[in-house]
Amino acid sequence: MDLDDVLPRPEHVTRQARWIAAPPPVVWDALHAVRLTELPVTLALSAARFLPVVLSGRGTGQLHDRPFLDALPVPLLSSEAPTAVVFGGALQAWRLSGGEDGPVLDADRFRRFTQRGWVKAAMDFRLTPRDEGTELSSETRVMSTDAEVRRRFDRYWRFVRPGSSAIRWEVLTAVELKATGRLP
């Protein structure tokens, strides 16, 4: 499964990629082993973003030490070791409180989801053998379910996109350091 299978026509897309001098199975294991405590930029940006959520009494315990992939705000849709992992879900990220909890959606229901008032967000990490190593890429796609949400999310995305991209770059770097033995 890839992002075209679940969110083929996004309104917003970011993509980052890094070549890592290690084979895909090693990079796969490193990707799954990276913990939040190894990602200081991610922790700082997440803490700043989720402060209103915590102050509202929701989301306590969201930033404790756990694997990065387990802390994503959208659920796992597909995992094909050691080539790709795809996440996706419905969010109301533009709301300071974090919005309502999104419906639980499998890949097929996510693809068909159109309920007004949400954005559909999908993200992958893809591992491609390349030049005696692995290209690790991450792509994030977002699509609104109605025009009003699109206007609201567009404003929010202009503000958070640089931080979202910084988080992906930090994760790719941590995976490289872990896969090549420079980060325990």
Protein backbone atom coordinates (compact mmCIF):
# COMPACT_ATOMS: atom_id res chain seq x y z
CA MET A 1 0.00 0.00 0.00
CA ASP A 2 1.17 3.53 -0.66
CA LEU A 3 -0.21 7.02 -0.17
CA ASP A 4 -1.82 7.04 -3.62
CA ASP A 5 -3.98 4.15 -2.40
CA VAL A 6 -5.39 6.12 0.53
CA LEU A 7 -5.06 9.84 -0.32
CA PRO A 8 -4.47 10.28 -4.06
CA ARG A 9 -5.46 13.97 -4.42
CA PRO A 10 -4.08 15.91 -1.44
CA GLU A 11 -4.21 19.66 -1.02
CA HIS A 12 -0.96 19.79 0.95
CA VAL A 13 2.15 17.65 0.51
CA THR A 14 5.58 17.63 2.11
CA ARG A 15 8.32 15.14 1.29
CA GLN A 16 11.73 14.52 2.75
CA ALA A 17 14.30 11.85 1.83
CA ARG A 18 17.74 10.77 3.00
CA TRP A 19 20.18 8.15 1.78
CA ILE A 20 21.47 5.90 4.56
CA ALA A 21 24.54 3.65 4.30
CA ALA A 22 22.73 0.56 5.58
CA PRO A 23 20.47 -2.11 4.07
CA PRO A 24 16.67 -1.78 4.29
CA PRO A 25 16.20 -4.28 7.16
CA VAL A 26 18.67 -2.35 9.34
CA VAL A 27 17.02 0.99 8.46
CA TRP A 28 13.58 -0.55 9.14
CA ASP A 29 14.67 -1.66 12.61
CA ALA A 30 16.20 1.75 13.31
CA LEU A 31 13.02 3.55 12.18
CA HIS A 32 10.97 1.48 14.62
CA ALA A 33 13.51 1.96 17.43
CA VAL A 34 13.76 5.78 17.39
CA ARG A 35 12.23 7.10 20.60
CA LEU A 36 10.79 10.51 21.38
CA THR A 37 13.59 11.21 23.88
CA GLU A 38 16.05 10.98 20.97
CA LEU A 39 14.21 13.77 19.13
CA PRO A 40 14.65 17.06 21.02
CA VAL A 41 13.23 19.27 18.24
CA THR A 42 10.20 17.01 17.95
CA LEU A 43 9.66 17.07 21.72
CA ALA A 44 9.94 20.86 21.88
CA LEU A 45 7.61 21.47 18.93
CA SER A 46 5.13 18.85 20.16
CA ALA A 47 5.13 20.31 23.65
CA ALA A 48 4.46 23.79 22.26
CA ARG A 49 1.69 22.51 19.96
CA PHE A 50 0.00 20.37 22.61
CA LEU A 51 0.23 22.83 25.51
CA PRO A 52 -3.35 24.07 24.89
CA VAL A 53 -4.50 20.43 24.73
CA VAL A 54 -2.85 19.58 28.04
CA LEU A 55 -4.17 22.78 29.66
CA SER A 56 -7.69 21.80 28.57
CA GLY A 57 -7.29 18.54 30.52
CA ARG A 58 -6.87 16.33 27.47
CA GLY A 59 -3.78 14.60 26.16
CA THR A 60 -1.85 14.11 29.38
CA GLY A 61 0.91 11.58 28.93
CA GLN A 62 1.19 12.08 25.18
CA LEU A 63 4.87 13.02 25.21
CA HIS A 64 6.39 10.39 27.47
CA ASP A 65 9.25 8.27 26.16
CA ARG A 66 7.99 5.85 23.56
CA PRO A 67 8.83 5.00 19.96
CA PHE A 68 8.21 7.90 17.59
CA LEU A 69 5.98 5.80 15.32
CA ASP A 70 3.75 4.94 18.29
CA ALA A 71 3.27 8.65 19.08
CA LEU A 72 1.91 9.73 15.70
CA PRO A 73 -1.49 11.45 15.83
CA VAL A 74 -2.93 9.11 13.19
CA PRO A 75 -3.16 5.31 13.31
CA LEU A 76 -1.23 2.72 11.36
CA LEU A 77 -2.94 1.73 8.11
CA SER A 78 -0.33 -0.59 6.61
CA SER A 79 3.07 -2.03 7.42
CA GLU A 80 5.11 -3.94 4.85
CA ALA A 81 8.50 -4.77 6.35
CA PRO A 82 11.09 -3.67 5.34
CA THR A 83 9.71 -1.39 2.63
CA ALA A 84 6.92 0.88 3.87
CA VAL A 85 4.72 1.92 6.73
CA VAL A 86 1.60 4.07 6.13
CA PHE A 87 -0.41 6.00 8.70
CA GLY A 88 -3.64 7.92 8.22
CA GLY A 89 -6.63 9.36 10.01
CA ALA A 90 -9.12 12.17 10.39
CA LEU A 91 -7.99 15.16 12.46
CA GLN A 92 -9.09 18.61 13.57
CA ALA A 93 -5.51 19.74 14.09
CA TRP A 94 -6.22 23.44 13.47
CA ARG A 95 -8.25 23.61 16.70
CA LEU A 96 -6.21 24.70 19.73
CA SER A 97 -7.79 21.96 21.84
CA GLY A 98 -6.84 19.36 19.23
CA GLY A 99 -10.48 18.97 18.24
CA GLU A 100 -12.62 15.90 18.61
CA ASP A 101 -11.19 12.40 18.52
CA GLY A 102 -11.34 11.23 14.94
CA PRO A 103 -13.26 8.17 13.90
CA VAL A 104 -11.39 4.87 13.78
CA LEU A 105 -10.79 4.16 10.09
CA ASP A 106 -9.06 1.32 8.29
CA ALA A 107 -7.42 2.05 4.94
CA ASP A 108 -10.57 1.51 2.89
CA ARG A 109 -12.79 3.60 5.18
CA PHE A 110 -10.10 6.30 5.35
CA ARG A 111 -10.01 6.53 1.54
CA ARG A 112 -13.82 6.89 1.37
CA PHE A 113 -14.20 9.19 4.42
CA THR A 114 -15.95 12.48 3.53
CA GLN A 115 -17.63 13.65 6.74
CA ARG A 116 -17.56 17.45 6.89
CA GLY A 117 -15.43 19.14 9.56
CA TRP A 118 -12.23 17.11 9.24
CA VAL A 119 -8.92 16.89 7.45
CA LYS A 120 -7.66 13.56 6.26
CA ALA A 121 -3.95 13.27 7.03
CA ALA A 122 -1.72 10.47 5.78
CA MET A 123 2.00 9.91 6.18
CA ASP A 124 4.40 7.23 5.11
CA PHE A 125 7.96 6.16 5.61
CA ARG A 126 9.27 4.32 2.55
CA LEU A 127 12.55 2.42 2.27
CA THR A 128 14.06 1.94 -1.18
CA PRO A 129 17.36 0.08 -1.82
CA ARG A 130 19.72 2.50 -3.55
CA ASP A 131 23.48 2.51 -4.21
CA GLU A 132 24.40 -0.12 -1.60
CA GLY A 133 22.26 1.62 0.98
CA THR A 134 18.69 2.73 1.53
CA GLU A 135 16.77 5.84 0.63
CA LEU A 136 14.42 6.57 3.53
CA SER A 137 11.67 8.96 2.55
CA SER A 138 8.68 10.38 4.35
CA GLU A 139 5.72 12.04 2.73
CA THR A 140 2.82 13.78 4.45
CA ARG A 141 -0.45 14.47 2.64
CA VAL A 142 -3.50 16.36 3.84
CA MET A 143 -6.94 16.89 2.32
CA SER A 144 -9.92 18.75 3.79
CA THR A 145 -13.43 17.33 3.73
CA ASP A 146 -15.12 20.70 3.10
CA ALA A 147 -14.33 24.27 2.01
CA GLU A 148 -14.56 25.86 5.48
CA VAL A 149 -12.17 23.32 6.97
CA ARG A 150 -9.83 23.87 4.04
CA ARG A 151 -9.69 27.62 4.75
CA ARG A 152 -9.03 26.98 8.45
CA PHE A 153 -6.47 24.28 7.83
CA ASP A 154 -4.67 26.33 5.16
CA ARG A 155 -4.02 29.06 7.75
CA TYR A 156 -2.89 26.49 10.34
CA TRP A 157 -0.65 24.68 7.81
CA ARG A 158 1.18 27.87 6.84
CA PHE A 159 2.16 28.18 10.50
CA VAL A 160 3.01 24.54 11.33
CA ARG A 161 4.44 23.26 8.04
CA PRO A 162 8.03 24.34 8.79
CA GLY A 163 7.87 22.56 12.16
CA SER A 164 6.30 19.47 10.62
CA SER A 165 9.10 19.33 8.06
CA ALA A 166 11.72 19.87 10.78
CA ILE A 167 10.30 16.92 12.70
CA ARG A 168 10.56 14.65 9.63
CA TRP A 169 14.14 15.76 8.97
CA GLU A 170 15.03 15.09 12.62
CA VAL A 171 13.47 11.61 12.43
CA LEU A 172 15.33 10.78 9.21
CA THR A 173 18.58 11.94 10.81
CA ALA A 174 17.98 9.90 13.97
CA VAL A 175 17.21 6.82 11.90
CA GLU A 176 20.43 7.31 9.94
CA LEU A 177 22.47 7.71 13.14
CA LYS A 178 20.86 4.64 14.69
CA ALA A 179 21.17 2.49 11.53
CA THR A 180 24.85 3.36 11.11
CA GLY A 181 25.70 2.80 14.79
CA ARG A 182 26.28 6.45 15.70
CA LEU A 183 23.24 6.56 18.02
CA PRO A 184 22.63 3.68 20.41
